Amino acid sequence: MARNAIRTPRYIPTPKIIGEQSDLFGGPTITHEAARAPLRKGWQQQLRAWACSDTLADRDD
């Protein structure tokens, strides 16, 4: 029998706080977060192409 069959995530991004709003009637402060888009497939190839190119014209998108 396997212990801890559900693996914990390796990376949990921190929320990007874009503002806070205090309640007018003494309630808790509301925190607003911006949604983060997940990384697209092939991001390593795009990063490698960007790092190897000298000018933007060298990149083939």
N, C-alpha and C. Protein backbone atom coordinates (compact mmCIF):
# COMPACT_ATOMS: atom_id res chain seq x y z
N MET A 1 0.85 -1.17 0.00
CA MET A 1 0.00 0.00 0.00
C MET A 1 0.90 1.23 0.00
N ALA A 2 0.60 2.17 -0.88
CA ALA A 2 1.42 3.37 -1.00
C ALA A 2 0.98 4.43 0.01
N ARG A 3 1.97 5.00 0.64
CA ARG A 3 1.69 6.13 1.53
C ARG A 3 1.73 7.41 0.74
N ASN A 4 0.94 8.36 1.11
CA ASN A 4 0.90 9.66 0.44
C ASN A 4 0.76 9.49 -1.06
N ALA A 5 -0.31 8.83 -1.48
CA ALA A 5 -0.53 8.57 -2.89
C ALA A 5 -0.77 9.86 -3.67
N ILE A 6 -1.25 10.89 -3.02
CA ILE A 6 -1.47 12.16 -3.69
C ILE A 6 -0.25 13.04 -3.46
N ARG A 7 0.42 13.38 -4.55
CA ARG A 7 1.65 14.17 -4.46
C ARG A 7 1.32 15.64 -4.23
N THR A 8 2.09 16.28 -3.38
CA THR A 8 1.90 17.72 -3.16
C THR A 8 2.47 18.47 -4.35
N PRO A 9 1.87 19.58 -4.72
CA PRO A 9 2.38 20.34 -5.87
C PRO A 9 3.79 20.85 -5.61
N ARG A 10 4.60 20.88 -6.66
CA ARG A 10 5.99 21.30 -6.52
C ARG A 10 6.11 22.82 -6.41
N TYR A 11 5.24 23.53 -7.11
CA TYR A 11 5.34 24.99 -7.13
C TYR A 11 3.95 25.58 -6.98
N ILE A 12 3.78 26.40 -5.98
CA ILE A 12 2.52 27.10 -5.78
C ILE A 12 2.81 28.58 -5.95
N PRO A 13 2.31 29.19 -7.03
CA PRO A 13 2.61 30.61 -7.24
C PRO A 13 1.97 31.48 -6.17
N THR A 14 2.69 32.51 -5.79
CA THR A 14 2.14 33.45 -4.82
C THR A 14 1.10 34.33 -5.52
N PRO A 15 0.05 34.69 -4.83
CA PRO A 15 -0.96 35.54 -5.48
C PRO A 15 -0.42 36.93 -5.77
N LYS A 16 -0.84 37.48 -6.89
CA LYS A 16 -0.43 38.83 -7.27
C LYS A 16 -1.50 39.79 -6.74
N ILE A 17 -1.18 40.46 -5.64
CA ILE A 17 -2.11 41.38 -5.00
C ILE A 17 -2.12 42.69 -5.78
N ILE A 18 -3.31 43.11 -6.23
CA ILE A 18 -3.41 44.35 -6.98
C ILE A 18 -4.10 45.46 -6.20
N GLY A 19 -4.59 45.14 -5.02
CA GLY A 19 -5.20 46.19 -4.22
C GLY A 19 -5.98 45.64 -3.04
N GLU A 20 -6.24 46.51 -2.11
CA GLU A 20 -7.05 46.16 -0.94
C GLU A 20 -8.13 47.21 -0.76
N GLN A 21 -9.25 46.77 -0.24
CA GLN A 21 -10.38 47.67 -0.05
C GLN A 21 -10.93 47.44 1.35
N SER A 22 -10.93 48.50 2.15
CA SER A 22 -11.47 48.36 3.50
C SER A 22 -12.99 48.44 3.46
N ASP A 23 -13.62 47.73 4.37
CA ASP A 23 -15.07 47.70 4.44
C ASP A 23 -15.56 48.99 5.10
N LEU A 24 -16.65 49.53 4.60
CA LEU A 24 -17.18 50.77 5.13
C LEU A 24 -17.81 50.60 6.51
N PHE A 25 -18.20 49.37 6.85
CA PHE A 25 -18.92 49.15 8.09
C PHE A 25 -18.11 48.35 9.11
N GLY A 26 -16.78 48.41 9.01
CA GLY A 26 -15.93 47.76 10.00
C GLY A 26 -15.71 46.28 9.80
N GLY A 27 -16.03 45.76 8.64
CA GLY A 27 -15.82 44.34 8.36
C GLY A 27 -14.37 44.09 7.94
N PRO A 28 -14.10 42.88 7.50
CA PRO A 28 -12.72 42.55 7.09
C PRO A 28 -12.33 43.27 5.80
N THR A 29 -11.05 43.50 5.64
CA THR A 29 -10.52 44.13 4.44
C THR A 29 -10.56 43.13 3.29
N ILE A 30 -11.00 43.57 2.13
CA ILE A 30 -11.08 42.71 0.95
C ILE A 30 -9.80 42.87 0.14
N THR A 31 -9.18 41.77 -0.23
CA THR A 31 -7.96 41.79 -1.02
C THR A 31 -8.29 41.35 -2.44
N HIS A 32 -7.81 42.12 -3.43
CA HIS A 32 -8.06 41.82 -4.83
C HIS A 32 -6.80 41.20 -5.42
N GLU A 33 -6.99 40.07 -6.12
CA GLU A 33 -5.87 39.37 -6.74
C GLU A 33 -6.05 39.36 -8.25
N ALA A 34 -4.93 39.39 -8.98
CA ALA A 34 -4.95 39.25 -10.43
C ALA A 34 -4.76 37.77 -10.75
N ALA A 35 -5.54 37.28 -11.69
CA ALA A 35 -5.41 35.87 -12.10
C ALA A 35 -4.12 35.68 -12.88
N ARG A 36 -3.44 34.59 -12.64
CA ARG A 36 -2.21 34.27 -13.36
C ARG A 36 -2.50 33.17 -14.36
N ALA A 37 -2.07 33.39 -15.58
CA ALA A 37 -2.25 32.39 -16.63
C ALA A 37 -1.18 31.31 -16.49
N PRO A 38 -1.53 30.05 -16.71
CA PRO A 38 -0.52 29.00 -16.65
C PRO A 38 0.45 29.11 -17.82
N LEU A 39 1.63 28.54 -17.67
CA LEU A 39 2.61 28.55 -18.74
C LEU A 39 2.13 27.70 -19.91
N ARG A 40 2.34 28.21 -21.13
CA ARG A 40 1.93 27.48 -22.31
C ARG A 40 2.87 26.32 -22.60
N LYS A 41 2.40 25.36 -23.37
CA LYS A 41 3.27 24.28 -23.80
C LYS A 41 4.33 24.84 -24.73
N GLY A 42 5.52 24.36 -24.60
CA GLY A 42 6.61 24.82 -25.46
C GLY A 42 7.30 26.07 -24.95
N TRP A 43 7.09 26.44 -23.72
CA TRP A 43 7.70 27.68 -23.22
C TRP A 43 9.21 27.55 -23.15
N GLN A 44 9.74 26.34 -22.99
CA GLN A 44 11.19 26.17 -22.94
C GLN A 44 11.80 26.48 -24.30
N GLN A 45 11.14 26.07 -25.38
CA GLN A 45 11.65 26.34 -26.72
C GLN A 45 11.63 27.84 -27.01
N GLN A 46 10.59 28.53 -26.59
CA GLN A 46 10.52 29.97 -26.81
C GLN A 46 11.62 30.68 -26.04
N LEU A 47 11.87 30.25 -24.82
CA LEU A 47 12.92 30.87 -24.01
C LEU A 47 14.30 30.61 -24.63
N ARG A 48 14.52 29.39 -25.10
CA ARG A 48 15.79 29.05 -25.73
C ARG A 48 16.01 29.87 -27.00
N ALA A 49 14.96 30.04 -27.83
CA ALA A 49 15.08 30.84 -29.05
C ALA A 49 15.36 32.30 -28.71
N TRP A 50 14.73 32.81 -27.67
CA TRP A 50 14.96 34.20 -27.27
C TRP A 50 16.39 34.39 -26.76
N ALA A 51 16.89 33.41 -26.01
CA ALA A 51 18.22 33.53 -25.43
C ALA A 51 19.31 33.41 -26.49
N CYS A 52 19.07 32.63 -27.55
CA CYS A 52 20.09 32.41 -28.58
C CYS A 52 20.10 33.48 -29.66
N SER A 53 19.07 34.29 -29.76
CA SER A 53 18.99 35.29 -30.83
C SER A 53 19.69 36.58 -30.42
N ASP A 54 20.38 37.17 -31.40
CA ASP A 54 21.06 38.45 -31.16
C ASP A 54 20.10 39.63 -31.35
N THR A 55 19.24 39.52 -32.34
CA THR A 55 18.26 40.57 -32.62
C THR A 55 16.89 39.95 -32.71
N LEU A 56 15.87 40.77 -32.68
CA LEU A 56 14.51 40.25 -32.78
C LEU A 56 14.24 39.66 -34.16
N ALA A 57 14.97 40.11 -35.20
CA ALA A 57 14.77 39.58 -36.53
C ALA A 57 15.25 38.13 -36.64
N ASP A 58 16.15 37.70 -35.75
CA ASP A 58 16.66 36.31 -35.79
C ASP A 58 15.61 35.31 -35.31
N ARG A 59 14.64 35.77 -34.55
CA ARG A 59 13.63 34.85 -34.03
C ARG A 59 12.65 34.48 -35.11
N ASP A 60 12.26 33.23 -35.15
CA ASP A 60 11.24 32.80 -36.11
C ASP A 60 10.01 32.36 -35.34
N ASP A 61 9.01 33.21 -35.28
CA ASP A 61 7.78 32.91 -34.54
C ASP A 61 6.75 32.33 -35.47
